[in-house]
Amino acid sequence: MCEPQSAPDARGEGGPRRLKPAQLLFEPPEAVAEAEHFFDLESIEDPRELLARSTELALAFRAAADRAVEYQAVAAAQLADPRRFDRLPTAVIAARAEWSEDYTKKMVEFGRDLLRSGRAVD
């Protein structure tokens, strides 16, 4: 097999040709911090449209938060399941989720209810 070799020097010298890095002809622009945008609400001038769009977003976030809480509850119930060999005590679940132990117990029960009823998150 033939090994790849460097191209000969253009000046006719026998050593391999060395390429120089290209010179920068300009300075790259500094990253400009853009103003914070929140779903382009700040660009809506019509108060009716702003109210409608912001209400729509608030309802969507509320629904997403409720769904996330259901996932938390199911996970807490699964982690506390006494049939699991690696089950966790409620104090450990509480620490991981940054909850109080009382709230953790309620979340475990809520998660068990969701699992029993078949309403558990998909």
PDB file of N, CA and C in Angstrom:
ATOM      1  N   MET A   1       0.832  -1.182   0.000  1.00  0.00           N
ATOM      2  CA  MET A   1       0.000   0.000   0.000  1.00  0.00           C
ATOM      3  C   MET A   1       0.871   1.238   0.000  1.00  0.00           C
ATOM      4  N   CYS A   2       0.320   2.252  -0.547  1.00  0.00           N
ATOM      5  CA  CYS A   2       1.049   3.507  -0.665  1.00  0.00           C
ATOM      6  C   CYS A   2       0.613   4.446   0.451  1.00  0.00           C
ATOM      7  N   GLU A   3       1.560   4.976   1.205  1.00  0.00           N
ATOM      8  CA  GLU A   3       1.271   5.924   2.277  1.00  0.00           C
ATOM      9  C   GLU A   3       1.028   7.302   1.689  1.00  0.00           C
ATOM     10  N   PRO A   4       0.046   8.052   2.196  1.00  0.00           N
ATOM     11  CA  PRO A   4      -0.140   9.415   1.706  1.00  0.00           C
ATOM     12  C   PRO A   4       1.044  10.278   2.101  1.00  0.00           C
ATOM     13  N   GLN A   5       1.453  11.162   1.213  1.00  0.00           N
ATOM     14  CA  GLN A   5       2.581  12.041   1.482  1.00  0.00           C
ATOM     15  C   GLN A   5       2.182  13.481   1.222  1.00  0.00           C
ATOM     16  N   SER A   6       2.894  14.400   1.880  1.00  0.00           N
ATOM     17  CA  SER A   6       2.647  15.825   1.669  1.00  0.00           C
ATOM     18  C   SER A   6       3.065  16.210   0.264  1.00  0.00           C
ATOM     19  N   ALA A   7       2.385  17.214  -0.274  1.00  0.00           N
ATOM     20  CA  ALA A   7       2.742  17.727  -1.594  1.00  0.00           C
ATOM     21  C   ALA A   7       4.105  18.399  -1.508  1.00  0.00           C
ATOM     22  N   PRO A   8       4.901  18.350  -2.582  1.00  0.00           N
ATOM     23  CA  PRO A   8       6.220  18.995  -2.537  1.00  0.00           C
ATOM     24  C   PRO A   8       6.067  20.510  -2.455  1.00  0.00           C
ATOM     25  N   ASP A   9       7.075  21.136  -1.916  1.00  0.00           N
ATOM     26  CA  ASP A   9       7.110  22.589  -1.787  1.00  0.00           C
ATOM     27  C   ASP A   9       7.073  23.218  -3.173  1.00  0.00           C
ATOM     28  N   ALA A  10       6.275  24.285  -3.338  1.00  0.00           N
ATOM     29  CA  ALA A  10       6.125  24.954  -4.630  1.00  0.00           C
ATOM     30  C   ALA A  10       7.432  25.591  -5.088  1.00  0.00           C
ATOM     31  N   ARG A  11       8.355  25.891  -4.192  1.00  0.00           N
ATOM     32  CA  ARG A  11       9.630  26.521  -4.551  1.00  0.00           C
ATOM     33  C   ARG A  11      10.621  25.490  -5.061  1.00  0.00           C
ATOM     34  N   GLY A  12      10.192  24.236  -5.108  1.00  0.00           N
ATOM     35  CA  GLY A  12      11.075  23.212  -5.625  1.00  0.00           C
ATOM     36  C   GLY A  12      11.947  22.572  -4.568  1.00  0.00           C
ATOM     37  N   GLU A  13      11.796  22.985  -3.312  1.00  0.00           N
ATOM     38  CA  GLU A  13      12.582  22.366  -2.257  1.00  0.00           C
ATOM     39  C   GLU A  13      11.941  21.035  -1.912  1.00  0.00           C
ATOM     40  N   GLY A  14      12.713  20.104  -1.441  1.00  0.00           N
ATOM     41  CA  GLY A  14      12.239  18.754  -1.230  1.00  0.00           C
ATOM     42  C   GLY A  14      11.369  18.540  -0.004  1.00  0.00           C
ATOM     43  N   GLY A  15      11.369  19.420   0.978  1.00  0.00           N
ATOM     44  CA  GLY A  15      10.607  19.202   2.200  1.00  0.00           C
ATOM     45  C   GLY A  15       9.114  19.395   1.987  1.00  0.00           C
ATOM     46  N   PRO A  16       8.296  18.938   2.943  1.00  0.00           N
ATOM     47  CA  PRO A  16       6.849  19.110   2.804  1.00  0.00           C
ATOM     48  C   PRO A  16       6.452  20.585   2.877  1.00  0.00           C
ATOM     49  N   ARG A  17       5.412  20.923   2.193  1.00  0.00           N
ATOM     50  CA  ARG A  17       4.923  22.304   2.146  1.00  0.00           C
ATOM     51  C   ARG A  17       4.197  22.616   3.457  1.00  0.00           C
ATOM     52  N   ARG A  18       4.470  23.759   4.021  1.00  0.00           N
ATOM     53  CA  ARG A  18       3.823  24.208   5.264  1.00  0.00           C
ATOM     54  C   ARG A  18       2.846  25.324   4.921  1.00  0.00           C
ATOM     55  N   LEU A  19       1.607  25.180   5.375  1.00  0.00           N
ATOM     56  CA  LEU A  19       0.608  26.212   5.133  1.00  0.00           C
ATOM     57  C   LEU A  19       0.566  27.163   6.310  1.00  0.00           C
ATOM     58  N   LYS A  20       0.479  28.440   5.990  1.00  0.00           N
ATOM     59  CA  LYS A  20       0.349  29.458   7.038  1.00  0.00           C
ATOM     60  C   LYS A  20      -1.130  29.702   7.274  1.00  0.00           C
ATOM     61  N   PRO A  21      -1.502  30.018   8.502  1.00  0.00           N
ATOM     62  CA  PRO A  21      -2.910  30.356   8.730  1.00  0.00           C
ATOM     63  C   PRO A  21      -3.249  31.655   8.005  1.00  0.00           C
ATOM     64  N   ALA A  22      -4.476  31.729   7.536  1.00  0.00           N
ATOM     65  CA  ALA A  22      -4.932  32.934   6.844  1.00  0.00           C
ATOM     66  C   ALA A  22      -5.013  34.090   7.823  1.00  0.00           C
ATOM     67  N   GLN A  23      -4.660  35.272   7.338  1.00  0.00           N
ATOM     68  CA  GLN A  23      -4.734  36.458   8.175  1.00  0.00           C
ATOM     69  C   GLN A  23      -6.184  36.921   8.283  1.00  0.00           C
ATOM     70  N   LEU A  24      -6.529  37.419   9.461  1.00  0.00           N
ATOM     71  CA  LEU A  24      -7.854  38.017   9.629  1.00  0.00           C
ATOM     72  C   LEU A  24      -7.831  39.409   9.039  1.00  0.00           C
ATOM     73  N   LEU A  25      -8.772  39.678   8.167  1.00  0.00           N
ATOM     74  CA  LEU A  25      -8.846  40.994   7.555  1.00  0.00           C
ATOM     75  C   LEU A  25      -9.787  41.922   8.323  1.00  0.00           C
ATOM     76  N   PHE A  26     -10.455  41.372   9.341  1.00  0.00           N
ATOM     77  CA  PHE A  26     -11.374  42.164  10.141  1.00  0.00           C
ATOM     78  C   PHE A  26     -11.438  41.525  11.525  1.00  0.00           C
ATOM     79  N   GLU A  27     -11.884  42.266  12.469  1.00  0.00           N
ATOM     80  CA  GLU A  27     -12.094  41.739  13.818  1.00  0.00           C
ATOM     81  C   GLU A  27     -13.498  41.176  13.889  1.00  0.00           C
ATOM     82  N   PRO A  28     -13.669  39.987  14.455  1.00  0.00           N
ATOM     83  CA  PRO A  28     -15.032  39.470  14.587  1.00  0.00           C
ATOM     84  C   PRO A  28     -15.842  40.375  15.510  1.00  0.00           C
ATOM     85  N   PRO A  29     -17.116  40.555  15.198  1.00  0.00           N
ATOM     86  CA  PRO A  29     -17.935  41.433  16.049  1.00  0.00           C
ATOM     87  C   PRO A  29     -18.116  40.819  17.434  1.00  0.00           C
ATOM     88  N   GLU A  30     -18.166  41.687  18.418  1.00  0.00           N
ATOM     89  CA  GLU A  30     -18.408  41.219  19.776  1.00  0.00           C
ATOM     90  C   GLU A  30     -19.868  40.813  19.893  1.00  0.00           C
ATOM     91  N   ALA A  31     -20.095  39.824  20.724  1.00  0.00           N
ATOM     92  CA  ALA A  31     -21.470  39.383  20.941  1.00  0.00           C
ATOM     93  C   ALA A  31     -22.240  40.512  21.612  1.00  0.00           C
ATOM     94  N   VAL A  32     -23.312  40.908  20.988  1.00  0.00           N
ATOM     95  CA  VAL A  32     -24.138  41.989  21.520  1.00  0.00           C
ATOM     96  C   VAL A  32     -25.261  41.362  22.329  1.00  0.00           C
ATOM     97  N   ALA A  33     -25.379  41.787  23.543  1.00  0.00           N
ATOM     98  CA  ALA A  33     -26.444  41.265  24.400  1.00  0.00           C
ATOM     99  C   ALA A  33     -27.773  41.839  23.933  1.00  0.00           C
ATOM    100  N   GLU A  34     -28.660  40.955  23.554  1.00  0.00           N
ATOM    101  CA  GLU A  34     -29.978  41.394  23.107  1.00  0.00           C
ATOM    102  C   GLU A  34     -30.885  41.589  24.311  1.00  0.00           C
ATOM    103  N   ALA A  35     -31.838  42.459  24.139  1.00  0.00           N
ATOM    104  CA  ALA A  35     -32.833  42.644  25.192  1.00  0.00           C
ATOM    105  C   ALA A  35     -33.616  41.345  25.355  1.00  0.00           C
ATOM    106  N   GLU A  36     -34.000  41.069  26.558  1.00  0.00           N
ATOM    107  CA  GLU A  36     -34.739  39.838  26.822  1.00  0.00           C
ATOM    108  C   GLU A  36     -36.118  39.905  26.165  1.00  0.00           C
ATOM    109  N   HIS A  37     -36.466  38.828  25.490  1.00  0.00           N
ATOM    110  CA  HIS A  37     -37.773  38.751  24.837  1.00  0.00           C
ATOM    111  C   HIS A  37     -38.577  37.651  25.493  1.00  0.00           C
ATOM    112  N   PHE A  38     -39.832  37.931  25.719  1.00  0.00           N
ATOM    113  CA  PHE A  38     -40.711  36.931  26.312  1.00  0.00           C
ATOM    114  C   PHE A  38     -41.857  36.694  25.353  1.00  0.00           C
ATOM    115  N   PHE A  39     -41.648  35.738  24.454  1.00  0.00           N
ATOM    116  CA  PHE A  39     -42.652  35.359  23.463  1.00  0.00           C
ATOM    117  C   PHE A  39     -43.132  36.563  22.658  1.00  0.00           C
ATOM    118  N   ASP A  40     -42.250  37.525  22.472  1.00  0.00           N
ATOM    119  CA  ASP A  40     -42.539  38.747  21.706  1.00  0.00           C
ATOM    120  C   ASP A  40     -43.708  39.551  22.257  1.00  0.00           C
ATOM    121  N   LEU A  41     -44.041  39.357  23.520  1.00  0.00           N
ATOM    122  CA  LEU A  41     -45.132  40.142  24.116  1.00  0.00           C
ATOM    123  C   LEU A  41     -44.795  41.624  24.137  1.00  0.00           C
ATOM    124  N   GLU A  42     -43.508  41.931  24.308  1.00  0.00           N
ATOM    125  CA  GLU A  42     -43.112  43.342  24.386  1.00  0.00           C
ATOM    126  C   GLU A  42     -43.317  44.066  23.061  1.00  0.00           C
ATOM    127  N   SER A  43     -43.466  43.332  21.970  1.00  0.00           N
ATOM    128  CA  SER A  43     -43.655  43.982  20.674  1.00  0.00           C
ATOM    129  C   SER A  43     -45.128  44.195  20.319  1.00  0.00           C
ATOM    130  N   ILE A  44     -46.027  43.661  21.136  1.00  0.00           N
ATOM    131  CA  ILE A  44     -47.464  43.819  20.862  1.00  0.00           C
ATOM    132  C   ILE A  44     -47.929  45.154  21.434  1.00  0.00           C
ATOM    133  N   GLU A  45     -48.437  45.996  20.563  1.00  0.00           N
ATOM    134  CA  GLU A  45     -48.847  47.340  20.991  1.00  0.00           C
ATOM    135  C   GLU A  45     -50.329  47.435  21.328  1.00  0.00           C
ATOM    136  N   ASP A  46     -51.149  46.635  20.674  1.00  0.00           N
ATOM    137  CA  ASP A  46     -52.598  46.673  20.912  1.00  0.00           C
ATOM    138  C   ASP A  46     -52.902  45.990  22.245  1.00  0.00           C
ATOM    139  N   PRO A  47     -53.454  46.702  23.225  1.00  0.00           N
ATOM    140  CA  PRO A  47     -53.703  46.102  24.536  1.00  0.00           C
ATOM    141  C   PRO A  47     -54.655  44.904  24.492  1.00  0.00           C
ATOM    142  N   ARG A  48     -55.610  44.918  23.571  1.00  0.00           N
ATOM    143  CA  ARG A  48     -56.526  43.766  23.461  1.00  0.00           C
ATOM    144  C   ARG A  48     -55.775  42.520  23.016  1.00  0.00           C
ATOM    145  N   GLU A  49     -54.927  42.703  22.014  1.00  0.00           N
ATOM    146  CA  GLU A  49     -54.123  41.586  21.513  1.00  0.00           C
ATOM    147  C   GLU A  49     -53.130  41.124  22.588  1.00  0.00           C
ATOM    148  N   LEU A  50     -52.530  42.064  23.311  1.00  0.00           N
ATOM    149  CA  LEU A  50     -51.591  41.732  24.379  1.00  0.00           C
ATOM    150  C   LEU A  50     -52.280  40.934  25.480  1.00  0.00           C
ATOM    151  N   LEU A  51     -53.488  41.361  25.867  1.00  0.00           N
ATOM    152  CA  LEU A  51     -54.237  40.638  26.894  1.00  0.00           C
ATOM    153  C   LEU A  51     -54.574  39.226  26.413  1.00  0.00           C
ATOM    154  N   ALA A  52     -55.013  39.099  25.174  1.00  0.00           N
ATOM    155  CA  ALA A  52     -55.386  37.782  24.640  1.00  0.00           C
ATOM    156  C   ALA A  52     -54.170  36.854  24.587  1.00  0.00           C
ATOM    157  N   ARG A  53     -53.052  37.355  24.060  1.00  0.00           N
ATOM    158  CA  ARG A  53     -51.855  36.521  23.921  1.00  0.00           C
ATOM    159  C   ARG A  53     -51.264  36.162  25.280  1.00  0.00           C
ATOM    160  N   SER A  54     -51.191  37.113  26.195  1.00  0.00           N
ATOM    161  CA  SER A  54     -50.614  36.830  27.510  1.00  0.00           C
ATOM    162  C   SER A  54     -51.510  35.888  28.309  1.00  0.00           C
ATOM    163  N   THR A  55     -52.826  36.008  28.148  1.00  0.00           N
ATOM    164  CA  THR A  55     -53.749  35.085  28.811  1.00  0.00           C
ATOM    165  C   THR A  55     -53.572  33.681  28.258  1.00  0.00           C
ATOM    166  N   GLU A  56     -53.443  33.585  26.943  1.00  0.00           N
ATOM    167  CA  GLU A  56     -53.213  32.286  26.300  1.00  0.00           C
ATOM    168  C   GLU A  56     -51.938  31.633  26.837  1.00  0.00           C
ATOM    169  N   LEU A  57     -50.884  32.420  26.962  1.00  0.00           N
ATOM    170  CA  LEU A  57     -49.626  31.890  27.496  1.00  0.00           C
ATOM    171  C   LEU A  57     -49.761  31.476  28.958  1.00  0.00           C
ATOM    172  N   ALA A  58     -50.438  32.300  29.753  1.00  0.00           N
ATOM    173  CA  ALA A  58     -50.615  31.974  31.171  1.00  0.00           C
ATOM    174  C   ALA A  58     -51.373  30.661  31.341  1.00  0.00           C
ATOM    175  N   LEU A  59     -52.418  30.463  30.541  1.00  0.00           N
ATOM    176  CA  LEU A  59     -53.186  29.211  30.622  1.00  0.00           C
ATOM    177  C   LEU A  59     -52.343  28.018  30.184  1.00  0.00           C
ATOM    178  N   ALA A  60     -51.538  28.208  29.146  1.00  0.00           N
ATOM    179  CA  ALA A  60     -50.678  27.117  28.674  1.00  0.00           C
ATOM    180  C   ALA A  60     -49.631  26.757  29.729  1.00  0.00           C
ATOM    181  N   PHE A  61     -49.032  27.768  30.357  1.00  0.00           N
ATOM    182  CA  PHE A  61     -48.039  27.495  31.406  1.00  0.00           C
ATOM    183  C   PHE A  61     -48.681  26.830  32.617  1.00  0.00           C
ATOM    184  N   ARG A  62     -49.879  27.270  32.960  1.00  0.00           N
ATOM    185  CA  ARG A  62     -50.587  26.658  34.081  1.00  0.00           C
ATOM    186  C   ARG A  62     -50.866  25.186  33.802  1.00  0.00           C
ATOM    187  N   ALA A  63     -51.320  24.874  32.598  1.00  0.00           N
ATOM    188  CA  ALA A  63     -51.591  23.484  32.220  1.00  0.00           C
ATOM    189  C   ALA A  63     -50.301  22.668  32.231  1.00  0.00           C
ATOM    190  N   ALA A  64     -49.208  23.258  31.745  1.00  0.00           N
ATOM    191  CA  ALA A  64     -47.925  22.560  31.750  1.00  0.00           C
ATOM    192  C   ALA A  64     -47.444  22.313  33.182  1.00  0.00           C
ATOM    193  N   ALA A  65     -47.645  23.286  34.060  1.00  0.00           N
ATOM    194  CA  ALA A  65     -47.240  23.118  35.456  1.00  0.00           C
ATOM    195  C   ALA A  65     -48.057  22.017  36.128  1.00  0.00           C
ATOM    196  N   ASP A  66     -49.362  21.982  35.860  1.00  0.00           N
ATOM    197  CA  ASP A  66     -50.206  20.924  36.433  1.00  0.00           C
ATOM    198  C   ASP A  66     -49.745  19.552  35.955  1.00  0.00           C
ATOM    199  N   ARG A  67     -49.424  19.460  34.692  1.00  0.00           N
ATOM    200  CA  ARG A  67     -48.957  18.188  34.120  1.00  0.00           C
ATOM    201  C   ARG A  67     -47.626  17.775  34.743  1.00  0.00           C
ATOM    202  N   ALA A  68     -46.736  18.730  34.941  1.00  0.00           N
ATOM    203  CA  ALA A  68     -45.444  18.441  35.558  1.00  0.00           C
ATOM    204  C   ALA A  68     -45.621  17.951  36.996  1.00  0.00           C
ATOM    205  N   VAL A  69     -46.576  18.530  37.719  1.00  0.00           N
ATOM    206  CA  VAL A  69     -46.842  18.094  39.097  1.00  0.00           C
ATOM    207  C   VAL A  69     -47.333  16.645  39.102  1.00  0.00           C
ATOM    208  N   GLU A  70     -48.154  16.277  38.113  1.00  0.00           N
ATOM    209  CA  GLU A  70     -48.607  14.887  38.028  1.00  0.00           C
ATOM    210  C   GLU A  70     -47.429  13.949  37.794  1.00  0.00           C
ATOM    211  N   TYR A  71     -46.505  14.350  36.940  1.00  0.00           N
ATOM    212  CA  TYR A  71     -45.297  13.537  36.725  1.00  0.00           C
ATOM    213  C   TYR A  71     -44.486  13.417  38.016  1.00  0.00           C
ATOM    214  N   GLN A  72     -44.363  14.508  38.751  1.00  0.00           N
ATOM    215  CA  GLN A  72     -43.655  14.461  40.027  1.00  0.00           C
ATOM    216  C   GLN A  72     -44.327  13.482  40.980  1.00  0.00           C
ATOM    217  N   ALA A  73     -45.645  13.533  41.053  1.00  0.00           N
ATOM    218  CA  ALA A  73     -46.383  12.676  41.977  1.00  0.00           C
ATOM    219  C   ALA A  73     -46.206  11.201  41.611  1.00  0.00           C
ATOM    220  N   VAL A  74     -46.296  10.889  40.326  1.00  0.00           N
ATOM    221  CA  VAL A  74     -46.120   9.500  39.893  1.00  0.00           C
ATOM    222  C   VAL A  74     -44.702   9.031  40.213  1.00  0.00           C
ATOM    223  N   ALA A  75     -43.720   9.866  39.939  1.00  0.00           N
ATOM    224  CA  ALA A  75     -42.328   9.499  40.234  1.00  0.00           C
ATOM    225  C   ALA A  75     -42.130   9.291  41.733  1.00  0.00           C
ATOM    226  N   ALA A  76     -42.700  10.174  42.544  1.00  0.00           N
ATOM    227  CA  ALA A  76     -42.569  10.031  43.997  1.00  0.00           C
ATOM    228  C   ALA A  76     -43.219   8.738  44.470  1.00  0.00           C
ATOM    229  N   ALA A  77     -44.393   8.424  43.918  1.00  0.00           N
ATOM    230  CA  ALA A  77     -45.079   7.181  44.295  1.00  0.00           C
ATOM    231  C   ALA A  77     -44.254   5.965  43.889  1.00  0.00           C
ATOM    232  N   GLN A  78     -43.666   6.011  42.723  1.00  0.00           N
ATOM    233  CA  GLN A  78     -42.844   4.893  42.271  1.00  0.00           C
ATOM    234  C   GLN A  78     -41.596   4.741  43.124  1.00  0.00           C
ATOM    235  N   LEU A  79     -40.973   5.855  43.480  1.00  0.00           N
ATOM    236  CA  LEU A  79     -39.765   5.788  44.306  1.00  0.00           C
ATOM    237  C   LEU A  79     -40.067   5.300  45.722  1.00  0.00           C
ATOM    238  N   ALA A  80     -41.270   5.569  46.209  1.00  0.00           N
ATOM    239  CA  ALA A  80     -41.637   5.167  47.571  1.00  0.00           C
ATOM    240  C   ALA A  80     -42.316   3.799  47.618  1.00  0.00           C
ATOM    241  N   ASP A  81     -42.515   3.177  46.478  1.00  0.00           N
ATOM    242  CA  ASP A  81     -43.222   1.889  46.408  1.00  0.00           C
ATOM    243  C   ASP A  81     -42.496   0.833  47.237  1.00  0.00           C
ATOM    244  N   PRO A  82     -43.168   0.265  48.258  1.00  0.00           N
ATOM    245  CA  PRO A  82     -42.512  -0.714  49.125  1.00  0.00           C
ATOM    246  C   PRO A  82     -42.136  -2.012  48.393  1.00  0.00           C
ATOM    247  N   ARG A  83     -42.695  -2.247  47.218  1.00  0.00           N
ATOM    248  CA  ARG A  83     -42.350  -3.459  46.463  1.00  0.00           C
ATOM    249  C   ARG A  83     -41.028  -3.321  45.722  1.00  0.00           C
ATOM    250  N   ARG A  84     -40.506  -2.119  45.642  1.00  0.00           N
ATOM    251  CA  ARG A  84     -39.226  -1.905  44.944  1.00  0.00           C
ATOM    252  C   ARG A  84     -38.075  -2.215  45.881  1.00  0.00           C
ATOM    253  N   PHE A  85     -37.091  -2.911  45.370  1.00  0.00           N
ATOM    254  CA  PHE A  85     -35.929  -3.218  46.196  1.00  0.00           C
ATOM    255  C   PHE A  85     -35.104  -1.965  46.469  1.00  0.00           C
ATOM    256  N   ASP A  86     -35.212  -0.970  45.593  1.00  0.00           N
ATOM    257  CA  ASP A  86     -34.432   0.262  45.748  1.00  0.00           C
ATOM    258  C   ASP A  86     -35.306   1.451  46.175  1.00  0.00           C
ATOM    259  N   ARG A  87     -36.396   1.139  46.874  1.00  0.00           N
ATOM    260  CA  ARG A  87     -37.306   2.221  47.264  1.00  0.00           C
ATOM    261  C   ARG A  87     -36.597   3.218  48.168  1.00  0.00           C
ATOM    262  N   LEU A  88     -37.096   4.426  48.140  1.00  0.00           N
ATOM    263  CA  LEU A  88     -36.488   5.496  48.939  1.00  0.00           C
ATOM    264  C   LEU A  88     -37.439   5.935  50.045  1.00  0.00           C
ATOM    265  N   PRO A  89     -36.898   6.270  51.197  1.00  0.00           N
ATOM    266  CA  PRO A  89     -37.734   6.830  52.259  1.00  0.00           C
ATOM    267  C   PRO A  89     -38.236   8.222  51.853  1.00  0.00           C
ATOM    268  N   THR A  90     -39.359   8.619  52.418  1.00  0.00           N
ATOM    269  CA  THR A  90     -39.932   9.920  52.052  1.00  0.00           C
ATOM    270  C   THR A  90     -38.972  11.068  52.350  1.00  0.00           C
ATOM    271  N   ALA A  91     -38.146  10.933  53.363  1.00  0.00           N
ATOM    272  CA  ALA A  91     -37.187  12.010  53.675  1.00  0.00           C
ATOM    273  C   ALA A  91     -36.201  12.214  52.527  1.00  0.00           C
ATOM    274  N   VAL A  92     -35.774  11.130  51.904  1.00  0.00           N
ATOM    275  CA  VAL A  92     -34.827  11.229  50.789  1.00  0.00           C
ATOM    276  C   VAL A  92     -35.526  11.820  49.560  1.00  0.00           C
ATOM    277  N   ILE A  93     -36.754  11.374  49.302  1.00  0.00           N
ATOM    278  CA  ILE A  93     -37.517  11.928  48.172  1.00  0.00           C
ATOM    279  C   ILE A  93     -37.737  13.420  48.401  1.00  0.00           C
ATOM    280  N   ALA A  94     -38.081  13.784  49.627  1.00  0.00           N
ATOM    281  CA  ALA A  94     -38.313  15.191  49.969  1.00  0.00           C
ATOM    282  C   ALA A  94     -37.051  16.022  49.712  1.00  0.00           C
ATOM    283  N   ALA A  95     -35.907  15.504  50.103  1.00  0.00           N
ATOM    284  CA  ALA A  95     -34.657  16.236  49.901  1.00  0.00           C
ATOM    285  C   ALA A  95     -34.356  16.401  48.410  1.00  0.00           C
ATOM    286  N   ARG A  96     -34.572  15.346  47.633  1.00  0.00           N
ATOM    287  CA  ARG A  96     -34.288  15.409  46.195  1.00  0.00           C
ATOM    288  C   ARG A  96     -35.206  16.392  45.478  1.00  0.00           C
ATOM    289  N   ALA A  97     -36.461  16.441  45.883  1.00  0.00           N
ATOM    290  CA  ALA A  97     -37.433  17.313  45.224  1.00  0.00           C
ATOM    291  C   ALA A  97     -37.520  18.692  45.873  1.00  0.00           C
ATOM    292  N   GLU A  98     -36.794  18.873  46.974  1.00  0.00           N
ATOM    293  CA  GLU A  98     -36.825  20.118  47.742  1.00  0.00           C
ATOM    294  C   GLU A  98     -38.229  20.407  48.260  1.00  0.00           C
ATOM    295  N   TRP A  99     -38.847  19.356  48.828  1.00  0.00           N
ATOM    296  CA  TRP A  99     -40.172  19.441  49.427  1.00  0.00           C
ATOM    297  C   TRP A  99     -40.056  19.193  50.920  1.00  0.00           C
ATOM    298  N   SER A 100     -41.128  19.525  51.661  1.00  0.00           N
ATOM    299  CA  SER A 100     -41.196  19.119  53.068  1.00  0.00           C
ATOM    300  C   SER A 100     -41.620  17.653  53.085  1.00  0.00           C
ATOM    301  N   GLU A 101     -41.400  16.986  54.209  1.00  0.00           N
ATOM    302  CA  GLU A 101     -41.798  15.574  54.295  1.00  0.00           C
ATOM    303  C   GLU A 101     -43.312  15.418  54.224  1.00  0.00           C
ATOM    304  N   ASP A 102     -44.045  16.348  54.832  1.00  0.00           N
ATOM    305  CA  ASP A 102     -45.515  16.274  54.771  1.00  0.00           C
ATOM    306  C   ASP A 102     -46.007  16.397  53.330  1.00  0.00           C
ATOM    307  N   TYR A 103     -45.435  17.344  52.589  1.00  0.00           N
ATOM    308  CA  TYR A 103     -45.834  17.515  51.197  1.00  0.00           C
ATOM    309  C   TYR A 103     -45.451  16.280  50.384  1.00  0.00           C
ATOM    310  N   THR A 104     -44.310  15.694  50.689  1.00  0.00           N
ATOM    311  CA  THR A 104     -43.867  14.486  49.978  1.00  0.00           C
ATOM    312  C   THR A 104     -44.849  13.347  50.191  1.00  0.00           C
ATOM    313  N   LYS A 105     -45.326  13.187  51.426  1.00  0.00           N
ATOM    314  CA  LYS A 105     -46.299  12.127  51.707  1.00  0.00           C
ATOM    315  C   LYS A 105     -47.582  12.348  50.901  1.00  0.00           C
ATOM    316  N   LYS A 106     -48.014  13.608  50.792  1.00  0.00           N
ATOM    317  CA  LYS A 106     -49.215  13.912  50.004  1.00  0.00           C
ATOM    318  C   LYS A 106     -48.975  13.645  48.520  1.00  0.00           C
ATOM    319  N   MET A 107     -47.784  13.977  48.040  1.00  0.00           N
ATOM    320  CA  MET A 107     -47.464  13.735  46.637  1.00  0.00           C
ATOM    321  C   MET A 107     -47.383  12.238  46.339  1.00  0.00           C
ATOM    322  N   VAL A 108     -46.830  11.464  47.260  1.00  0.00           N
ATOM    323  CA  VAL A 108     -46.765  10.008  47.081  1.00  0.00           C
ATOM    324  C   VAL A 108     -48.181   9.450  46.986  1.00  0.00           C
ATOM    325  N   GLU A 109     -49.050   9.897  47.868  1.00  0.00           N
ATOM    326  CA  GLU A 109     -50.439   9.417  47.843  1.00  0.00           C
ATOM    327  C   GLU A 109     -51.154   9.857  46.570  1.00  0.00           C
ATOM    328  N   PHE A 110     -50.941  11.083  46.149  1.00  0.00           N
ATOM    329  CA  PHE A 110     -51.523  11.577  44.907  1.00  0.00           C
ATOM    330  C   PHE A 110     -51.027  10.737  43.725  1.00  0.00           C
ATOM    331  N   GLY A 111     -49.755  10.443  43.705  1.00  0.00           N
ATOM    332  CA  GLY A 111     -49.196   9.614  42.640  1.00  0.00           C
ATOM    333  C   GLY A 111     -49.768   8.215  42.645  1.00  0.00           C
ATOM    334  N   ARG A 112     -49.970   7.659  43.832  1.00  0.00           N
ATOM    335  CA  ARG A 112     -50.584   6.326  43.927  1.00  0.00           C
ATOM    336  C   ARG A 112     -52.017   6.356  43.409  1.00  0.00           C
ATOM    337  N   ASP A 113     -52.744   7.424  43.742  1.00  0.00           N
ATOM    338  CA  ASP A 113     -54.113   7.574  43.231  1.00  0.00           C
ATOM    339  C   ASP A 113     -54.116   7.651  41.701  1.00  0.00           C
ATOM    340  N   LEU A 114     -53.192   8.414  41.149  1.00  0.00           N
ATOM    341  CA  LEU A 114     -53.096   8.517  39.695  1.00  0.00           C
ATOM    342  C   LEU A 114     -52.791   7.154  39.064  1.00  0.00           C
ATOM    343  N   LEU A 115     -51.873   6.415  39.675  1.00  0.00           N
ATOM    344  CA  LEU A 115     -51.509   5.098  39.142  1.00  0.00           C
ATOM    345  C   LEU A 115     -52.671   4.115  39.257  1.00  0.00           C
ATOM    346  N   ARG A 116     -53.367   4.147  40.387  1.00  0.00           N
ATOM    347  CA  ARG A 116     -54.513   3.236  40.586  1.00  0.00           C
ATOM    348  C   ARG A 116     -55.654   3.531  39.626  1.00  0.00           C
ATOM    349  N   SER A 117     -55.918   4.791  39.405  1.00  0.00           N
ATOM    350  CA  SER A 117     -57.055   5.184  38.570  1.00  0.00           C
ATOM    351  C   SER A 117     -56.763   5.060  37.072  1.00  0.00           C
ATOM    352  N   GLY A 118     -55.532   4.808  36.742  1.00  0.00           N
ATOM    353  CA  GLY A 118     -55.176   4.728  35.339  1.00  0.00           C
ATOM    354  C   GLY A 118     -55.031   6.084  34.689  1.00  0.00           C
ATOM    355  N   ARG A 119     -55.102   7.145  35.482  1.00  0.00           N
ATOM    356  CA  ARG A 119     -54.931   8.500  34.950  1.00  0.00           C
ATOM    357  C   ARG A 119     -53.485   8.906  34.966  1.00  0.00           C
ATOM    358  N   ALA A 120     -52.621   7.969  35.282  1.00  0.00           N
ATOM    359  CA  ALA A 120     -51.198   8.288  35.344  1.00  0.00           C
ATOM    360  C   ALA A 120     -50.738   8.874  34.012  1.00  0.00           C
ATOM    361  N   VAL A 121     -49.782   9.743  34.100  1.00  0.00           N
ATOM    362  CA  VAL A 121     -49.263  10.412  32.902  1.00  0.00           C
ATOM    363  C   VAL A 121     -48.730   9.375  31.926  1.00  0.00           C
ATOM    364  N   ASP A 122     -48.894   9.696  30.651  1.00  0.00           N
ATOM    365  CA  ASP A 122     -48.467   8.762  29.597  1.00  0.00           C
ATOM    366  C   ASP A 122     -46.973   8.747  29.445  1.00  0.00           C
TER     367      ASP A 122
END
